[in-house]
Amino acid sequence: MEMNDKIEHALDSIRPYLEADGGNVKVVELTDDMVLRLELTGACSSCPMSSMTLKAGVEEAIKKAIPEIVKVEAINITMA
């Protein structure tokens, strides 16, 4: 399975929770040093809890599915 397919598959496992709150996530890039950069979209882009969602939900799901990825970052989270 291609790395992008693995990433999408892992994201699909948590997308229903994001979509339930009116948000979603899309892959921006996977860097050479295995940092996955994402963009939070919809309600997730402006939610004050989005950084917690990213760390606890998205990053955990990605790292569990793809241990090679060392870090998950959102390019558009505004820290409260």
N, C-alpha and C. Protein backbone atom coordinates (compact mmCIF):
# COMPACT_ATOMS: atom_id res chain seq x y z
N MET A 1 0.85 -1.19 0.00
CA MET A 1 0.00 0.00 0.00
C MET A 1 0.89 1.25 0.00
N GLU A 2 0.55 2.20 -0.85
CA GLU A 2 1.29 3.46 -0.91
C GLU A 2 1.13 4.23 0.41
N MET A 3 2.13 5.04 0.74
CA MET A 3 2.08 5.83 1.97
C MET A 3 0.85 6.74 1.98
N ASN A 4 0.55 7.38 0.84
CA ASN A 4 -0.63 8.25 0.80
C ASN A 4 -1.91 7.49 1.06
N ASP A 5 -2.00 6.26 0.57
CA ASP A 5 -3.18 5.44 0.81
C ASP A 5 -3.29 5.09 2.29
N LYS A 6 -2.15 4.79 2.90
CA LYS A 6 -2.15 4.48 4.34
C LYS A 6 -2.62 5.68 5.15
N ILE A 7 -2.14 6.86 4.77
CA ILE A 7 -2.52 8.09 5.47
C ILE A 7 -4.03 8.33 5.33
N GLU A 8 -4.53 8.23 4.10
CA GLU A 8 -5.97 8.45 3.88
C GLU A 8 -6.81 7.43 4.64
N HIS A 9 -6.34 6.17 4.67
CA HIS A 9 -7.06 5.12 5.38
C HIS A 9 -7.12 5.45 6.88
N ALA A 10 -6.00 5.90 7.44
CA ALA A 10 -5.97 6.26 8.86
C ALA A 10 -6.87 7.47 9.13
N LEU A 11 -6.85 8.44 8.23
CA LEU A 11 -7.71 9.61 8.40
C LEU A 11 -9.18 9.25 8.28
N ASP A 12 -9.49 8.30 7.40
CA ASP A 12 -10.88 7.88 7.23
C ASP A 12 -11.45 7.30 8.51
N SER A 13 -10.58 6.75 9.37
CA SER A 13 -11.06 6.17 10.62
C SER A 13 -11.55 7.24 11.60
N ILE A 14 -11.08 8.48 11.44
CA ILE A 14 -11.52 9.53 12.36
C ILE A 14 -12.36 10.61 11.69
N ARG A 15 -12.43 10.58 10.36
CA ARG A 15 -13.22 11.60 9.65
C ARG A 15 -14.67 11.70 10.11
N PRO A 16 -15.35 10.57 10.39
CA PRO A 16 -16.75 10.70 10.82
C PRO A 16 -16.91 11.57 12.06
N TYR A 17 -15.94 11.54 12.97
CA TYR A 17 -16.02 12.36 14.18
C TYR A 17 -15.82 13.83 13.84
N LEU A 18 -14.90 14.11 12.92
CA LEU A 18 -14.67 15.48 12.50
C LEU A 18 -15.89 16.01 11.75
N GLU A 19 -16.42 15.18 10.85
CA GLU A 19 -17.56 15.60 10.04
C GLU A 19 -18.80 15.82 10.90
N ALA A 20 -18.93 15.06 11.99
CA ALA A 20 -20.07 15.23 12.89
C ALA A 20 -20.07 16.63 13.49
N ASP A 21 -18.89 17.22 13.61
CA ASP A 21 -18.77 18.58 14.14
C ASP A 21 -18.64 19.62 13.03
N GLY A 22 -18.87 19.20 11.79
CA GLY A 22 -18.84 20.13 10.68
C GLY A 22 -17.45 20.42 10.13
N GLY A 23 -16.50 19.55 10.40
CA GLY A 23 -15.14 19.78 9.94
C GLY A 23 -14.60 18.61 9.16
N ASN A 24 -13.35 18.74 8.76
CA ASN A 24 -12.67 17.66 8.07
C ASN A 24 -11.18 17.98 8.10
N VAL A 25 -10.41 17.13 7.43
CA VAL A 25 -8.96 17.31 7.40
C VAL A 25 -8.47 16.88 6.03
N LYS A 26 -7.48 17.59 5.51
CA LYS A 26 -6.90 17.15 4.25
C LYS A 26 -5.38 17.18 4.33
N VAL A 27 -4.77 16.26 3.60
CA VAL A 27 -3.32 16.12 3.61
C VAL A 27 -2.71 17.24 2.77
N VAL A 28 -1.71 17.92 3.33
CA VAL A 28 -0.98 18.93 2.59
C VAL A 28 0.30 18.32 2.03
N GLU A 29 1.10 17.70 2.90
CA GLU A 29 2.32 17.04 2.43
C GLU A 29 2.86 16.11 3.51
N LEU A 30 3.69 15.19 3.06
CA LEU A 30 4.50 14.37 3.96
C LEU A 30 5.93 14.75 3.66
N THR A 31 6.61 15.34 4.63
CA THR A 31 7.96 15.83 4.41
C THR A 31 8.95 14.67 4.35
N ASP A 32 10.16 14.97 3.90
CA ASP A 32 11.20 13.95 3.79
C ASP A 32 11.56 13.35 5.15
N ASP A 33 11.39 14.14 6.22
CA ASP A 33 11.69 13.62 7.56
C ASP A 33 10.45 13.07 8.25
N MET A 34 9.46 12.67 7.43
CA MET A 34 8.27 11.95 7.92
C MET A 34 7.40 12.77 8.88
N VAL A 35 7.25 14.06 8.58
CA VAL A 35 6.30 14.89 9.29
C VAL A 35 5.10 15.07 8.36
N LEU A 36 3.93 14.70 8.85
CA LEU A 36 2.71 14.82 8.06
C LEU A 36 2.09 16.17 8.34
N ARG A 37 1.89 16.95 7.28
CA ARG A 37 1.29 18.28 7.42
C ARG A 37 -0.13 18.22 6.88
N LEU A 38 -1.07 18.66 7.71
CA LEU A 38 -2.49 18.61 7.39
C LEU A 38 -3.11 19.99 7.45
N GLU A 39 -4.23 20.12 6.77
CA GLU A 39 -5.04 21.33 6.90
C GLU A 39 -6.38 20.93 7.47
N LEU A 40 -6.76 21.58 8.56
CA LEU A 40 -8.08 21.35 9.13
C LEU A 40 -9.05 22.25 8.40
N THR A 41 -10.19 21.70 7.99
CA THR A 41 -11.14 22.45 7.19
C THR A 41 -12.49 22.54 7.89
N GLY A 42 -13.35 23.40 7.38
CA GLY A 42 -14.69 23.56 7.94
C GLY A 42 -14.61 24.08 9.37
N ALA A 43 -15.47 23.55 10.22
CA ALA A 43 -15.53 24.01 11.61
C ALA A 43 -14.23 23.76 12.35
N CYS A 44 -13.47 22.73 11.94
CA CYS A 44 -12.24 22.40 12.65
C CYS A 44 -11.18 23.49 12.52
N SER A 45 -11.25 24.29 11.44
CA SER A 45 -10.21 25.29 11.24
C SER A 45 -10.28 26.42 12.26
N SER A 46 -11.45 26.66 12.83
CA SER A 46 -11.59 27.78 13.76
C SER A 46 -11.97 27.35 15.17
N CYS A 47 -12.11 26.06 15.39
CA CYS A 47 -12.51 25.58 16.72
C CYS A 47 -11.37 25.71 17.71
N PRO A 48 -11.64 26.26 18.90
CA PRO A 48 -10.57 26.38 19.89
C PRO A 48 -10.03 25.04 20.38
N MET A 49 -10.79 23.97 20.18
CA MET A 49 -10.34 22.65 20.61
C MET A 49 -9.57 21.92 19.52
N SER A 50 -9.35 22.57 18.37
CA SER A 50 -8.77 21.85 17.23
C SER A 50 -7.36 21.36 17.50
N SER A 51 -6.57 22.09 18.29
CA SER A 51 -5.22 21.61 18.56
C SER A 51 -5.27 20.34 19.40
N MET A 52 -6.22 20.26 20.30
CA MET A 52 -6.39 19.05 21.11
C MET A 52 -6.90 17.90 20.24
N THR A 53 -7.85 18.21 19.36
CA THR A 53 -8.36 17.21 18.43
C THR A 53 -7.23 16.65 17.58
N LEU A 54 -6.38 17.54 17.10
CA LEU A 54 -5.26 17.11 16.26
C LEU A 54 -4.35 16.17 17.02
N LYS A 55 -3.94 16.58 18.22
CA LYS A 55 -3.00 15.77 19.00
C LYS A 55 -3.62 14.46 19.44
N ALA A 56 -4.78 14.53 20.07
CA ALA A 56 -5.36 13.34 20.69
C ALA A 56 -5.99 12.41 19.66
N GLY A 57 -6.62 12.97 18.64
CA GLY A 57 -7.34 12.13 17.70
C GLY A 57 -6.55 11.82 16.45
N VAL A 58 -6.24 12.87 15.70
CA VAL A 58 -5.64 12.70 14.39
C VAL A 58 -4.24 12.11 14.50
N GLU A 59 -3.38 12.73 15.31
CA GLU A 59 -2.00 12.25 15.40
C GLU A 59 -1.95 10.82 15.94
N GLU A 60 -2.76 10.53 16.93
CA GLU A 60 -2.77 9.18 17.50
C GLU A 60 -3.18 8.14 16.46
N ALA A 61 -4.22 8.46 15.68
CA ALA A 61 -4.69 7.52 14.66
C ALA A 61 -3.62 7.31 13.58
N ILE A 62 -2.98 8.38 13.19
CA ILE A 62 -1.94 8.30 12.15
C ILE A 62 -0.75 7.49 12.64
N LYS A 63 -0.26 7.80 13.84
CA LYS A 63 0.93 7.11 14.36
C LYS A 63 0.65 5.64 14.63
N LYS A 64 -0.56 5.33 15.03
CA LYS A 64 -0.91 3.93 15.26
C LYS A 64 -0.90 3.16 13.94
N ALA A 65 -1.42 3.79 12.89
CA ALA A 65 -1.51 3.13 11.59
C ALA A 65 -0.18 3.14 10.85
N ILE A 66 0.59 4.21 11.04
CA ILE A 66 1.84 4.39 10.28
C ILE A 66 2.94 4.86 11.24
N PRO A 67 3.58 3.92 11.92
CA PRO A 67 4.58 4.28 12.93
C PRO A 67 5.77 5.07 12.38
N GLU A 68 5.98 5.00 11.06
CA GLU A 68 7.12 5.73 10.48
C GLU A 68 6.94 7.25 10.58
N ILE A 69 5.69 7.69 10.66
CA ILE A 69 5.44 9.12 10.75
C ILE A 69 5.76 9.59 12.16
N VAL A 70 6.65 10.58 12.25
CA VAL A 70 7.15 11.01 13.55
C VAL A 70 6.32 12.12 14.18
N LYS A 71 5.63 12.90 13.34
CA LYS A 71 4.91 14.05 13.87
C LYS A 71 3.79 14.42 12.90
N VAL A 72 2.69 14.92 13.46
CA VAL A 72 1.59 15.41 12.65
C VAL A 72 1.38 16.88 13.01
N GLU A 73 1.38 17.74 11.99
CA GLU A 73 1.18 19.18 12.22
C GLU A 73 0.00 19.65 11.39
N ALA A 74 -0.71 20.62 11.92
CA ALA A 74 -1.72 21.30 11.12
C ALA A 74 -1.14 22.65 10.71
N ILE A 75 -1.30 22.99 9.45
CA ILE A 75 -0.70 24.22 8.96
C ILE A 75 -1.53 25.44 9.31
N ASN A 76 -2.77 25.23 9.76
CA ASN A 76 -3.66 26.37 9.92
C ASN A 76 -4.33 26.46 11.29
N ILE A 77 -3.76 25.82 12.29
CA ILE A 77 -4.34 25.94 13.64
C ILE A 77 -3.89 27.25 14.25
N THR A 78 -4.86 27.99 14.77
CA THR A 78 -4.55 29.20 15.51
C THR A 78 -4.57 28.84 16.99
N MET A 79 -3.43 28.94 17.63
CA MET A 79 -3.39 28.60 19.05
C MET A 79 -4.11 29.66 19.87
N ALA A 80 -4.96 29.19 20.76
CA ALA A 80 -5.76 30.12 21.57
C ALA A 80 -4.86 30.84 22.57
